[in-house]
Amino acid sequence: MSFVNFAKREVQLKIVYYGPGLCGKTTNLQFVHARLGAQSRGNLTSLATSQERTLFFDFMPLVAKAIENFTTRFQLYTVPGQVMYNRTRQLVLRGVDGVVFVADSQWNLMAENVESFKNLEENLRLQGDDLEKIPYVLQYNKRDLPEVAPTHYLDFVLNNRGVRRPRFNAVATEGNGVFETLNMIARLVLHRFVQAHSRQAGAEEELVLV
């Protein structure tokens, strides 16, 4: 949930990585966390489960100067991929400012991608949000594997709205496309936040994107 602390000169924004099990959500966050300097990141926290070898959720504040005279803190989360953990998915989505949907590019997992995307829409709807009104990008991961669907087919099944969203090919295990994806969703979230809050009633000052 976006939050402005004028006393600490800090803006907090939440980004959630969503997608089917083992699609690469956790790998994305692990790669980003490992490449950032210690001064720019918090602890990578996880909860493991006995039935899932990916992280249950991650929390990592990514600190960057983006709004004039403020520190921008991005809180990055993943959700569990398995359907049995849908309640946790709903909890993690609360207060989300932007979403990265990570799809597994393998042909035999297209149904899982579509199901997970529909689940994202439904869980947002249940909390009174609309995916079309929230910044989101798509990442087509595992492009290095054999038997992957072409990008245009992934667009056909996942990026088929009136206005297509930014999407990136990726090999998260090697870091390909990881920061490109993060940079884009961060930019979209920041622009939406500034537009919504720069002149809100009672604000002490205007927020300016730099």
N, C-alpha and C. Protein backbone atom coordinates (compact mmCIF):
# COMPACT_ATOMS: atom_id res chain seq x y z
N MET A 1 0.85 -1.19 0.00
CA MET A 1 0.00 0.00 0.00
C MET A 1 0.89 1.24 0.00
N SER A 2 0.63 2.16 -0.91
CA SER A 2 1.43 3.38 -0.97
C SER A 2 1.25 4.18 0.31
N PHE A 3 2.35 4.73 0.77
CA PHE A 3 2.33 5.47 2.03
C PHE A 3 3.39 6.56 1.97
N VAL A 4 3.02 7.78 2.37
CA VAL A 4 3.96 8.89 2.40
C VAL A 4 4.20 9.30 3.84
N ASN A 5 5.47 9.28 4.24
CA ASN A 5 5.85 9.73 5.57
C ASN A 5 6.63 11.04 5.39
N PHE A 6 5.92 12.16 5.60
CA PHE A 6 6.57 13.45 5.38
C PHE A 6 7.64 13.73 6.43
N ALA A 7 7.48 13.20 7.63
CA ALA A 7 8.48 13.42 8.67
C ALA A 7 9.80 12.76 8.31
N LYS A 8 9.73 11.52 7.77
CA LYS A 8 10.94 10.80 7.40
C LYS A 8 11.34 11.03 5.94
N ARG A 9 10.52 11.79 5.23
CA ARG A 9 10.77 12.06 3.80
C ARG A 9 10.86 10.75 3.03
N GLU A 10 9.84 9.90 3.19
CA GLU A 10 9.89 8.57 2.59
C GLU A 10 8.54 8.21 1.96
N VAL A 11 8.61 7.59 0.79
CA VAL A 11 7.45 7.04 0.11
C VAL A 11 7.63 5.53 0.03
N GLN A 12 6.62 4.77 0.45
CA GLN A 12 6.68 3.31 0.41
C GLN A 12 5.68 2.78 -0.61
N LEU A 13 6.15 1.91 -1.50
CA LEU A 13 5.32 1.34 -2.55
C LEU A 13 5.52 -0.17 -2.60
N LYS A 14 4.44 -0.88 -2.90
CA LYS A 14 4.45 -2.35 -2.85
C LYS A 14 4.27 -2.95 -4.23
N ILE A 15 5.20 -3.84 -4.62
CA ILE A 15 5.13 -4.56 -5.88
C ILE A 15 5.08 -6.06 -5.59
N VAL A 16 4.16 -6.75 -6.23
CA VAL A 16 3.99 -8.19 -6.02
C VAL A 16 4.30 -8.95 -7.31
N TYR A 17 5.13 -9.98 -7.19
CA TYR A 17 5.41 -10.89 -8.31
C TYR A 17 4.43 -12.05 -8.21
N TYR A 18 3.66 -12.25 -9.27
CA TYR A 18 2.57 -13.24 -9.30
C TYR A 18 2.80 -14.20 -10.46
N GLY A 19 2.30 -15.43 -10.33
CA GLY A 19 2.43 -16.40 -11.41
C GLY A 19 2.31 -17.81 -10.90
N PRO A 20 2.29 -18.80 -11.79
CA PRO A 20 2.13 -20.20 -11.39
C PRO A 20 3.36 -20.71 -10.64
N GLY A 21 3.23 -21.88 -10.05
CA GLY A 21 4.32 -22.47 -9.29
C GLY A 21 5.57 -22.69 -10.13
N LEU A 22 6.72 -22.35 -9.56
CA LEU A 22 8.03 -22.60 -10.17
C LEU A 22 8.24 -21.86 -11.49
N CYS A 23 7.55 -20.74 -11.67
CA CYS A 23 7.71 -19.97 -12.91
C CYS A 23 8.92 -19.06 -12.87
N GLY A 24 9.44 -18.77 -11.67
CA GLY A 24 10.62 -17.92 -11.56
C GLY A 24 10.44 -16.67 -10.73
N LYS A 25 9.35 -16.57 -9.99
CA LYS A 25 9.11 -15.39 -9.15
C LYS A 25 10.23 -15.21 -8.12
N THR A 26 10.48 -16.28 -7.40
CA THR A 26 11.51 -16.23 -6.36
C THR A 26 12.88 -15.97 -6.96
N THR A 27 13.17 -16.58 -8.10
CA THR A 27 14.47 -16.40 -8.75
C THR A 27 14.68 -14.93 -9.10
N ASN A 28 13.64 -14.25 -9.56
CA ASN A 28 13.74 -12.82 -9.85
C ASN A 28 14.18 -12.04 -8.62
N LEU A 29 13.50 -12.25 -7.51
CA LEU A 29 13.83 -11.48 -6.31
C LEU A 29 15.21 -11.84 -5.76
N GLN A 30 15.56 -13.11 -5.83
CA GLN A 30 16.88 -13.51 -5.36
C GLN A 30 17.98 -12.86 -6.18
N PHE A 31 17.78 -12.78 -7.50
CA PHE A 31 18.79 -12.18 -8.35
C PHE A 31 18.93 -10.69 -8.05
N VAL A 32 17.80 -9.98 -7.94
CA VAL A 32 17.84 -8.56 -7.64
C VAL A 32 18.53 -8.31 -6.31
N HIS A 33 18.13 -9.08 -5.31
CA HIS A 33 18.68 -8.91 -3.96
C HIS A 33 20.19 -9.13 -3.95
N ALA A 34 20.64 -10.14 -4.69
CA ALA A 34 22.07 -10.47 -4.70
C ALA A 34 22.91 -9.41 -5.40
N ARG A 35 22.30 -8.67 -6.35
CA ARG A 35 23.06 -7.69 -7.13
C ARG A 35 23.05 -6.30 -6.53
N LEU A 36 22.22 -6.06 -5.54
CA LEU A 36 22.15 -4.74 -4.92
C LEU A 36 23.17 -4.63 -3.79
N GLY A 37 23.69 -3.43 -3.62
CA GLY A 37 24.58 -3.20 -2.50
C GLY A 37 23.85 -3.29 -1.18
N ALA A 38 24.57 -3.62 -0.14
CA ALA A 38 23.95 -3.80 1.18
C ALA A 38 23.22 -2.55 1.65
N GLN A 39 23.73 -1.38 1.23
CA GLN A 39 23.11 -0.13 1.66
C GLN A 39 21.79 0.13 0.95
N SER A 40 21.51 -0.63 -0.12
CA SER A 40 20.31 -0.38 -0.91
C SER A 40 19.23 -1.43 -0.73
N ARG A 41 19.44 -2.36 0.16
CA ARG A 41 18.46 -3.43 0.33
C ARG A 41 18.33 -3.84 1.79
N GLY A 42 17.16 -4.39 2.10
CA GLY A 42 16.93 -4.96 3.40
C GLY A 42 17.14 -6.46 3.36
N ASN A 43 16.79 -7.12 4.43
CA ASN A 43 16.94 -8.57 4.48
C ASN A 43 15.92 -9.27 3.60
N LEU A 44 16.35 -10.32 2.94
CA LEU A 44 15.44 -11.14 2.14
C LEU A 44 14.85 -12.19 3.07
N THR A 45 13.57 -12.06 3.34
CA THR A 45 12.90 -12.93 4.31
C THR A 45 12.03 -13.94 3.59
N SER A 46 12.04 -15.17 4.04
CA SER A 46 11.24 -16.20 3.39
C SER A 46 10.59 -17.10 4.40
N LEU A 47 9.50 -17.69 3.98
CA LEU A 47 8.84 -18.76 4.73
C LEU A 47 8.73 -19.95 3.79
N ALA A 48 9.37 -21.03 4.11
CA ALA A 48 9.33 -22.22 3.27
C ALA A 48 8.18 -23.12 3.69
N THR A 49 7.68 -23.93 2.79
CA THR A 49 6.65 -24.91 3.10
C THR A 49 7.17 -26.29 2.77
N SER A 50 6.54 -27.29 3.33
CA SER A 50 6.99 -28.66 3.11
C SER A 50 6.64 -29.17 1.72
N GLN A 51 5.67 -28.51 1.05
CA GLN A 51 5.20 -29.00 -0.24
C GLN A 51 5.58 -28.09 -1.40
N GLU A 52 6.37 -27.05 -1.14
CA GLU A 52 6.73 -26.12 -2.19
C GLU A 52 8.18 -25.73 -2.02
N ARG A 53 8.97 -25.91 -3.07
CA ARG A 53 10.39 -25.63 -2.94
C ARG A 53 10.76 -24.20 -3.31
N THR A 54 9.79 -23.40 -3.72
CA THR A 54 10.03 -21.97 -3.87
C THR A 54 9.75 -21.28 -2.55
N LEU A 55 10.14 -20.00 -2.47
CA LEU A 55 9.87 -19.28 -1.24
C LEU A 55 8.38 -19.03 -1.09
N PHE A 56 7.93 -19.02 0.13
CA PHE A 56 6.53 -18.76 0.40
C PHE A 56 6.21 -17.30 0.16
N PHE A 57 7.05 -16.42 0.66
CA PHE A 57 6.98 -15.01 0.27
C PHE A 57 8.32 -14.37 0.57
N ASP A 58 8.59 -13.32 -0.13
CA ASP A 58 9.81 -12.56 0.06
C ASP A 58 9.46 -11.14 0.47
N PHE A 59 10.31 -10.54 1.24
CA PHE A 59 10.15 -9.12 1.55
C PHE A 59 11.50 -8.46 1.36
N MET A 60 11.56 -7.48 0.50
CA MET A 60 12.82 -6.81 0.26
C MET A 60 12.60 -5.36 -0.09
N PRO A 61 12.93 -4.43 0.79
CA PRO A 61 12.82 -3.02 0.42
C PRO A 61 13.98 -2.62 -0.47
N LEU A 62 13.66 -2.09 -1.63
CA LEU A 62 14.65 -1.59 -2.57
C LEU A 62 14.61 -0.07 -2.50
N VAL A 63 15.65 0.53 -1.98
CA VAL A 63 15.67 1.97 -1.72
C VAL A 63 16.29 2.69 -2.90
N ALA A 64 15.60 3.71 -3.39
CA ALA A 64 16.12 4.47 -4.52
C ALA A 64 15.57 5.89 -4.47
N LYS A 65 16.34 6.82 -4.99
CA LYS A 65 15.89 8.21 -5.09
C LYS A 65 15.10 8.36 -6.38
N ALA A 66 13.82 8.63 -6.27
CA ALA A 66 13.00 8.77 -7.47
C ALA A 66 12.07 9.96 -7.38
N ILE A 67 11.61 10.31 -6.19
CA ILE A 67 10.74 11.46 -6.00
C ILE A 67 11.56 12.54 -5.30
N GLU A 68 11.52 13.73 -5.85
CA GLU A 68 12.38 14.81 -5.37
C GLU A 68 12.26 15.02 -3.87
N ASN A 69 13.41 15.02 -3.19
CA ASN A 69 13.52 15.25 -1.75
C ASN A 69 12.94 14.13 -0.90
N PHE A 70 12.62 12.98 -1.53
CA PHE A 70 12.09 11.84 -0.79
C PHE A 70 12.91 10.59 -1.12
N THR A 71 12.94 9.68 -0.18
CA THR A 71 13.48 8.35 -0.44
C THR A 71 12.31 7.45 -0.83
N THR A 72 12.45 6.73 -1.93
CA THR A 72 11.41 5.82 -2.40
C THR A 72 11.79 4.40 -2.01
N ARG A 73 10.93 3.77 -1.27
CA ARG A 73 11.20 2.41 -0.80
C ARG A 73 10.20 1.46 -1.44
N PHE A 74 10.70 0.55 -2.28
CA PHE A 74 9.86 -0.47 -2.90
C PHE A 74 9.88 -1.73 -2.06
N GLN A 75 8.73 -2.22 -1.71
CA GLN A 75 8.62 -3.49 -1.01
C GLN A 75 8.24 -4.55 -2.05
N LEU A 76 9.12 -5.53 -2.25
CA LEU A 76 8.91 -6.55 -3.26
C LEU A 76 8.48 -7.86 -2.62
N TYR A 77 7.41 -8.44 -3.13
CA TYR A 77 6.86 -9.68 -2.59
C TYR A 77 6.67 -10.70 -3.71
N THR A 78 6.72 -11.96 -3.37
CA THR A 78 6.21 -13.01 -4.26
C THR A 78 5.01 -13.66 -3.58
N VAL A 79 4.22 -14.35 -4.39
CA VAL A 79 3.12 -15.15 -3.84
C VAL A 79 3.41 -16.61 -4.11
N PRO A 80 2.89 -17.53 -3.29
CA PRO A 80 3.05 -18.95 -3.58
C PRO A 80 2.29 -19.33 -4.84
N GLY A 81 2.86 -20.21 -5.64
CA GLY A 81 2.25 -20.57 -6.91
C GLY A 81 1.14 -21.59 -6.80
N GLN A 82 1.20 -22.47 -5.80
CA GLN A 82 0.22 -23.55 -5.71
C GLN A 82 -1.16 -23.03 -5.30
N VAL A 83 -2.20 -23.64 -5.88
CA VAL A 83 -3.57 -23.22 -5.63
C VAL A 83 -3.95 -23.35 -4.17
N MET A 84 -3.39 -24.33 -3.49
CA MET A 84 -3.75 -24.56 -2.09
C MET A 84 -3.38 -23.38 -1.19
N TYR A 85 -2.50 -22.50 -1.68
CA TYR A 85 -2.09 -21.35 -0.89
C TYR A 85 -2.78 -20.07 -1.32
N ASN A 86 -3.98 -20.17 -1.87
CA ASN A 86 -4.65 -19.00 -2.40
C ASN A 86 -4.95 -17.97 -1.32
N ARG A 87 -5.22 -18.42 -0.12
CA ARG A 87 -5.48 -17.48 0.97
C ARG A 87 -4.26 -16.59 1.21
N THR A 88 -3.08 -17.18 1.12
CA THR A 88 -1.86 -16.40 1.29
C THR A 88 -1.67 -15.43 0.14
N ARG A 89 -2.00 -15.88 -1.07
CA ARG A 89 -1.94 -14.96 -2.22
C ARG A 89 -2.78 -13.72 -1.96
N GLN A 90 -3.98 -13.93 -1.46
CA GLN A 90 -4.89 -12.81 -1.19
C GLN A 90 -4.29 -11.86 -0.15
N LEU A 91 -3.68 -12.41 0.88
CA LEU A 91 -3.09 -11.58 1.92
C LEU A 91 -1.92 -10.76 1.38
N VAL A 92 -1.09 -11.39 0.55
CA VAL A 92 0.07 -10.69 0.00
C VAL A 92 -0.36 -9.57 -0.94
N LEU A 93 -1.48 -9.75 -1.64
CA LEU A 93 -1.95 -8.75 -2.61
C LEU A 93 -2.55 -7.51 -1.95
N ARG A 94 -2.87 -7.57 -0.68
CA ARG A 94 -3.49 -6.43 -0.03
C ARG A 94 -2.59 -5.20 -0.11
N GLY A 95 -3.17 -4.11 -0.57
CA GLY A 95 -2.42 -2.87 -0.65
C GLY A 95 -1.39 -2.81 -1.76
N VAL A 96 -1.51 -3.68 -2.77
CA VAL A 96 -0.52 -3.72 -3.84
C VAL A 96 -0.60 -2.45 -4.70
N ASP A 97 0.57 -1.95 -5.12
CA ASP A 97 0.64 -0.79 -6.01
C ASP A 97 0.97 -1.18 -7.44
N GLY A 98 1.59 -2.34 -7.64
CA GLY A 98 1.94 -2.80 -8.98
C GLY A 98 2.22 -4.28 -8.97
N VAL A 99 2.03 -4.93 -10.13
CA VAL A 99 2.17 -6.38 -10.24
C VAL A 99 3.11 -6.73 -11.38
N VAL A 100 3.98 -7.70 -11.14
CA VAL A 100 4.74 -8.36 -12.21
C VAL A 100 4.18 -9.76 -12.34
N PHE A 101 3.59 -10.06 -13.50
CA PHE A 101 3.10 -11.41 -13.72
C PHE A 101 4.18 -12.19 -14.45
N VAL A 102 4.71 -13.23 -13.80
CA VAL A 102 5.77 -14.05 -14.37
C VAL A 102 5.15 -15.30 -14.97
N ALA A 103 5.31 -15.47 -16.27
CA ALA A 103 4.77 -16.63 -16.97
C ALA A 103 5.88 -17.61 -17.31
N ASP A 104 5.58 -18.88 -17.24
CA ASP A 104 6.51 -19.92 -17.67
C ASP A 104 6.31 -20.12 -19.17
N SER A 105 7.37 -19.94 -19.95
CA SER A 105 7.25 -19.94 -21.41
C SER A 105 7.04 -21.31 -22.03
N GLN A 106 7.15 -22.38 -21.26
CA GLN A 106 7.04 -23.72 -21.83
C GLN A 106 5.62 -23.99 -22.32
N TRP A 107 5.53 -24.60 -23.51
CA TRP A 107 4.24 -24.89 -24.13
C TRP A 107 3.31 -25.64 -23.18
N ASN A 108 3.84 -26.64 -22.48
CA ASN A 108 2.98 -27.51 -21.68
C ASN A 108 2.48 -26.84 -20.40
N LEU A 109 2.85 -25.58 -20.19
CA LEU A 109 2.41 -24.88 -18.98
C LEU A 109 1.54 -23.66 -19.30
N MET A 110 1.06 -23.59 -20.54
CA MET A 110 0.21 -22.46 -20.90
C MET A 110 -1.08 -22.42 -20.07
N ALA A 111 -1.66 -23.58 -19.82
CA ALA A 111 -2.91 -23.62 -19.04
C ALA A 111 -2.68 -23.09 -17.63
N GLU A 112 -1.53 -23.44 -17.04
CA GLU A 112 -1.22 -22.95 -15.70
C GLU A 112 -1.03 -21.43 -15.70
N ASN A 113 -0.41 -20.91 -16.75
CA ASN A 113 -0.25 -19.46 -16.85
C ASN A 113 -1.60 -18.76 -16.90
N VAL A 114 -2.48 -19.27 -17.75
CA VAL A 114 -3.80 -18.65 -17.90
C VAL A 114 -4.60 -18.75 -16.60
N GLU A 115 -4.54 -19.90 -15.96
CA GLU A 115 -5.26 -20.08 -14.70
C GLU A 115 -4.76 -19.12 -13.63
N SER A 116 -3.43 -18.96 -13.55
CA SER A 116 -2.86 -18.07 -12.56
C SER A 116 -3.23 -16.61 -12.84
N PHE A 117 -3.25 -16.23 -14.10
CA PHE A 117 -3.62 -14.86 -14.46
C PHE A 117 -5.07 -14.58 -14.08
N LYS A 118 -5.95 -15.54 -14.35
CA LYS A 118 -7.36 -15.38 -13.97
C LYS A 118 -7.50 -15.32 -12.45
N ASN A 119 -6.69 -16.09 -11.75
CA ASN A 119 -6.71 -16.07 -10.29
C ASN A 119 -6.27 -14.71 -9.75
N LEU A 120 -5.28 -14.12 -10.40
CA LEU A 120 -4.84 -12.77 -10.02
C LEU A 120 -5.99 -11.78 -10.15
N GLU A 121 -6.68 -11.82 -11.28
CA GLU A 121 -7.81 -10.92 -11.49
C GLU A 121 -8.89 -11.12 -10.43
N GLU A 122 -9.19 -12.38 -10.14
CA GLU A 122 -10.25 -12.68 -9.18
C GLU A 122 -9.87 -12.23 -7.77
N ASN A 123 -8.63 -12.48 -7.37
CA ASN A 123 -8.21 -12.08 -6.02
C ASN A 123 -8.20 -10.56 -5.87
N LEU A 124 -7.82 -9.85 -6.90
CA LEU A 124 -7.88 -8.39 -6.85
C LEU A 124 -9.32 -7.92 -6.77
N ARG A 125 -10.19 -8.56 -7.53
CA ARG A 125 -11.60 -8.20 -7.53
C ARG A 125 -12.21 -8.39 -6.14
N LEU A 126 -11.83 -9.45 -5.47
CA LEU A 126 -12.36 -9.73 -4.13
C LEU A 126 -11.97 -8.67 -3.11
N GLN A 127 -10.86 -7.99 -3.34
CA GLN A 127 -10.45 -6.94 -2.41
C GLN A 127 -10.80 -5.55 -2.92
N GLY A 128 -11.65 -5.52 -3.97
CA GLY A 128 -12.14 -4.23 -4.47
C GLY A 128 -11.22 -3.54 -5.45
N ASP A 129 -10.24 -4.25 -5.99
CA ASP A 129 -9.32 -3.68 -6.97
C ASP A 129 -9.64 -4.20 -8.37
N ASP A 130 -9.12 -3.52 -9.36
CA ASP A 130 -9.31 -3.88 -10.76
C ASP A 130 -7.94 -3.92 -11.42
N LEU A 131 -7.58 -5.07 -11.99
CA LEU A 131 -6.26 -5.21 -12.61
C LEU A 131 -6.02 -4.16 -13.67
N GLU A 132 -7.07 -3.77 -14.40
CA GLU A 132 -6.90 -2.78 -15.46
C GLU A 132 -6.56 -1.40 -14.93
N LYS A 133 -6.76 -1.18 -13.63
CA LYS A 133 -6.46 0.12 -13.03
C LYS A 133 -5.17 0.10 -12.23
N ILE A 134 -4.50 -1.04 -12.20
CA ILE A 134 -3.25 -1.19 -11.45
C ILE A 134 -2.10 -1.36 -12.44
N PRO A 135 -0.98 -0.69 -12.24
CA PRO A 135 0.16 -0.92 -13.13
C PRO A 135 0.61 -2.38 -13.05
N TYR A 136 0.80 -2.99 -14.21
CA TYR A 136 1.38 -4.33 -14.21
C TYR A 136 2.13 -4.56 -15.50
N VAL A 137 3.11 -5.44 -15.43
CA VAL A 137 3.89 -5.85 -16.59
C VAL A 137 3.96 -7.37 -16.60
N LEU A 138 4.31 -7.92 -17.75
CA LEU A 138 4.44 -9.37 -17.88
C LEU A 138 5.88 -9.73 -18.17
N GLN A 139 6.30 -10.83 -17.59
CA GLN A 139 7.63 -11.36 -17.89
C GLN A 139 7.48 -12.79 -18.39
N TYR A 140 7.98 -13.06 -19.60
CA TYR A 140 7.94 -14.39 -20.17
C TYR A 140 9.27 -15.07 -19.86
N ASN A 141 9.27 -15.85 -18.82
CA ASN A 141 10.51 -16.42 -18.27
C ASN A 141 10.85 -17.78 -18.90
N LYS A 142 12.05 -18.23 -18.66
CA LYS A 142 12.58 -19.53 -19.08
C LYS A 142 12.70 -19.63 -20.61
N ARG A 143 13.10 -18.54 -21.23
CA ARG A 143 13.22 -18.54 -22.68
C ARG A 143 14.38 -19.39 -23.19
N ASP A 144 15.23 -19.86 -22.29
CA ASP A 144 16.37 -20.68 -22.68
C ASP A 144 16.02 -22.16 -22.79
N LEU A 145 14.82 -22.55 -22.37
CA LEU A 145 14.46 -23.96 -22.38
C LEU A 145 13.94 -24.40 -23.75
N PRO A 146 14.01 -25.69 -24.04
CA PRO A 146 13.42 -26.18 -25.29
C PRO A 146 11.89 -26.17 -25.19
N GLU A 147 11.24 -26.21 -26.32
CA GLU A 147 9.77 -26.29 -26.37
C GLU A 147 9.10 -25.11 -25.67
N VAL A 148 9.55 -23.91 -25.98
CA VAL A 148 8.89 -22.73 -25.43
C VAL A 148 7.96 -22.13 -26.48
N ALA A 149 6.89 -21.52 -26.00
CA ALA A 149 5.94 -20.88 -26.90
C ALA A 149 6.53 -19.58 -27.43
N PRO A 150 6.25 -19.22 -28.68
CA PRO A 150 6.74 -17.94 -29.20
C PRO A 150 6.10 -16.77 -28.46
N THR A 151 6.79 -15.66 -28.46
CA THR A 151 6.31 -14.50 -27.73
C THR A 151 4.93 -14.05 -28.19
N HIS A 152 4.66 -14.13 -29.49
CA HIS A 152 3.37 -13.67 -29.97
C HIS A 152 2.23 -14.54 -29.45
N TYR A 153 2.51 -15.82 -29.18
CA TYR A 153 1.46 -16.68 -28.62
C TYR A 153 1.22 -16.33 -27.15
N LEU A 154 2.29 -16.06 -26.41
CA LEU A 154 2.13 -15.64 -25.02
C LEU A 154 1.35 -14.33 -24.95
N ASP A 155 1.62 -13.44 -25.89
CA ASP A 155 0.82 -12.21 -25.96
C ASP A 155 -0.65 -12.53 -26.22
N PHE A 156 -0.90 -13.50 -27.09
CA PHE A 156 -2.26 -13.86 -27.46
C PHE A 156 -3.05 -14.37 -26.25
N VAL A 157 -2.42 -15.13 -25.37
CA VAL A 157 -3.16 -15.71 -24.25
C VAL A 157 -3.10 -14.87 -22.98
N LEU A 158 -2.09 -13.99 -22.85
CA LEU A 158 -1.93 -13.25 -21.60
C LEU A 158 -1.98 -11.73 -21.75
N ASN A 159 -1.59 -11.23 -22.89
CA ASN A 159 -1.48 -9.79 -23.07
C ASN A 159 -2.45 -9.34 -24.17
N ASN A 160 -3.70 -9.72 -23.98
CA ASN A 160 -4.69 -9.57 -25.04
C ASN A 160 -5.76 -8.53 -24.73
N ARG A 161 -5.44 -7.60 -23.84
CA ARG A 161 -6.42 -6.55 -23.53
C ARG A 161 -6.37 -5.46 -24.60
N GLY A 162 -7.26 -4.48 -24.48
CA GLY A 162 -7.29 -3.40 -25.44
C GLY A 162 -5.96 -2.68 -25.57
N VAL A 163 -5.35 -2.39 -24.41
CA VAL A 163 -4.04 -1.76 -24.39
C VAL A 163 -3.04 -2.78 -23.87
N ARG A 164 -2.10 -3.17 -24.72
CA ARG A 164 -1.12 -4.17 -24.29
C ARG A 164 -0.16 -3.59 -23.26
N ARG A 165 0.18 -4.41 -22.30
CA ARG A 165 1.09 -4.01 -21.25
C ARG A 165 2.53 -4.34 -21.65
N PRO A 166 3.50 -3.64 -21.04
CA PRO A 166 4.90 -3.98 -21.32
C PRO A 166 5.19 -5.43 -20.96
N ARG A 167 5.97 -6.11 -21.80
CA ARG A 167 6.34 -7.49 -21.48
C ARG A 167 7.79 -7.72 -21.88
N PHE A 168 8.42 -8.61 -21.14
CA PHE A 168 9.85 -8.84 -21.29
C PHE A 168 10.14 -10.32 -21.36
N ASN A 169 10.98 -10.71 -22.30
CA ASN A 169 11.51 -12.07 -22.31
C ASN A 169 12.60 -12.15 -21.26
N ALA A 170 12.70 -13.31 -20.60
CA ALA A 170 13.65 -13.41 -19.51
C ALA A 170 14.19 -14.82 -19.33
N VAL A 171 15.38 -14.86 -18.78
CA VAL A 171 15.96 -16.09 -18.24
C VAL A 171 16.42 -15.69 -16.84
N ALA A 172 15.52 -15.79 -15.88
CA ALA A 172 15.77 -15.24 -14.55
C ALA A 172 16.96 -15.89 -13.86
N THR A 173 17.23 -17.16 -14.15
CA THR A 173 18.37 -17.83 -13.52
C THR A 173 19.69 -17.19 -13.92
N GLU A 174 19.72 -16.53 -15.07
CA GLU A 174 20.92 -15.85 -15.54
C GLU A 174 20.83 -14.34 -15.38
N GLY A 175 19.68 -13.87 -14.94
CA GLY A 175 19.48 -12.44 -14.76
C GLY A 175 18.98 -11.71 -15.99
N ASN A 176 18.81 -12.42 -17.09
CA ASN A 176 18.34 -11.78 -18.33
C ASN A 176 16.89 -11.31 -18.17
N GLY A 177 16.66 -10.04 -18.37
CA GLY A 177 15.32 -9.48 -18.30
C GLY A 177 14.83 -9.16 -16.90
N VAL A 178 15.61 -9.49 -15.88
CA VAL A 178 15.15 -9.30 -14.50
C VAL A 178 15.07 -7.83 -14.13
N PHE A 179 16.16 -7.10 -14.33
CA PHE A 179 16.14 -5.69 -13.96
C PHE A 179 15.33 -4.86 -14.94
N GLU A 180 15.27 -5.27 -16.21
CA GLU A 180 14.42 -4.57 -17.16
C GLU A 180 12.96 -4.62 -16.71
N THR A 181 12.54 -5.79 -16.24
CA THR A 181 11.17 -5.95 -15.74
C THR A 181 10.93 -5.08 -14.52
N LEU A 182 11.85 -5.13 -13.56
CA LEU A 182 11.71 -4.37 -12.33
C LEU A 182 11.72 -2.87 -12.60
N ASN A 183 12.62 -2.43 -13.46
CA ASN A 183 12.69 -0.99 -13.75
C ASN A 183 11.39 -0.48 -14.35
N MET A 184 10.79 -1.26 -15.24
CA MET A 184 9.56 -0.81 -15.87
C MET A 184 8.40 -0.73 -14.88
N ILE A 185 8.21 -1.76 -14.06
CA ILE A 185 7.09 -1.71 -13.12
C ILE A 185 7.31 -0.62 -12.09
N ALA A 186 8.56 -0.38 -11.70
CA ALA A 186 8.84 0.69 -10.75
C ALA A 186 8.48 2.05 -11.35
N ARG A 187 8.83 2.26 -12.61
CA ARG A 187 8.49 3.52 -13.28
C ARG A 187 6.99 3.72 -13.37
N LEU A 188 6.27 2.66 -13.74
CA LEU A 188 4.81 2.77 -13.87
C LEU A 188 4.16 3.05 -12.52
N VAL A 189 4.62 2.37 -11.49
CA VAL A 189 4.06 2.58 -10.15
C VAL A 189 4.33 4.00 -9.66
N LEU A 190 5.54 4.48 -9.89
CA LEU A 190 5.89 5.83 -9.45
C LEU A 190 5.05 6.89 -10.17
N HIS A 191 4.89 6.75 -11.48
CA HIS A 191 4.10 7.73 -12.22
C HIS A 191 2.65 7.73 -11.74
N ARG A 192 2.09 6.56 -11.52
CA ARG A 192 0.71 6.49 -11.05
C ARG A 192 0.58 7.10 -9.66
N PHE A 193 1.56 6.82 -8.81
CA PHE A 193 1.52 7.36 -7.45
C PHE A 193 1.58 8.88 -7.45
N VAL A 194 2.50 9.44 -8.21
CA VAL A 194 2.65 10.89 -8.25
C VAL A 194 1.39 11.55 -8.79
N GLN A 195 0.80 10.96 -9.85
CA GLN A 195 -0.42 11.52 -10.41
C GLN A 195 -1.56 11.51 -9.39
N ALA A 196 -1.62 10.45 -8.60
CA ALA A 196 -2.73 10.31 -7.65
C ALA A 196 -2.55 11.14 -6.39
N HIS A 197 -1.29 11.40 -6.00
CA HIS A 197 -1.05 11.98 -4.67
C HIS A 197 -0.39 13.35 -4.67
N SER A 198 0.06 13.85 -5.82
CA SER A 198 0.83 15.09 -5.80
C SER A 198 0.02 16.28 -5.30
N ARG A 199 -1.30 16.26 -5.56
CA ARG A 199 -2.13 17.39 -5.14
C ARG A 199 -3.32 16.94 -4.29
N GLN A 200 -3.13 15.87 -3.54
CA GLN A 200 -4.24 15.38 -2.72
C GLN A 200 -4.55 16.38 -1.60
N ALA A 201 -5.80 16.37 -1.18
CA ALA A 201 -6.23 17.30 -0.14
C ALA A 201 -5.45 17.05 1.14
N GLY A 202 -4.93 18.12 1.71
CA GLY A 202 -4.23 18.01 2.97
C GLY A 202 -2.76 17.67 2.84
N ALA A 203 -2.28 17.45 1.62
CA ALA A 203 -0.86 17.14 1.45
C ALA A 203 -0.02 18.35 1.85
N GLU A 204 1.09 18.09 2.50
CA GLU A 204 1.93 19.18 2.96
C GLU A 204 2.69 19.83 1.82
N GLU A 205 2.96 19.08 0.76
CA GLU A 205 3.70 19.61 -0.36
C GLU A 205 3.46 18.74 -1.57
N GLU A 206 3.80 19.25 -2.73
CA GLU A 206 3.62 18.49 -3.96
C GLU A 206 4.78 17.52 -4.16
N LEU A 207 4.47 16.32 -4.61
CA LEU A 207 5.50 15.34 -4.91
C LEU A 207 5.87 15.46 -6.38
N VAL A 208 7.16 15.46 -6.65
CA VAL A 208 7.65 15.64 -8.02
C VAL A 208 8.54 14.46 -8.40
N LEU A 209 8.22 13.81 -9.50
CA LEU A 209 9.03 12.69 -10.00
C LEU A 209 10.27 13.24 -10.68
N VAL A 210 11.43 12.66 -10.37
CA VAL A 210 12.68 13.10 -10.99
C VAL A 210 13.37 11.94 -11.69
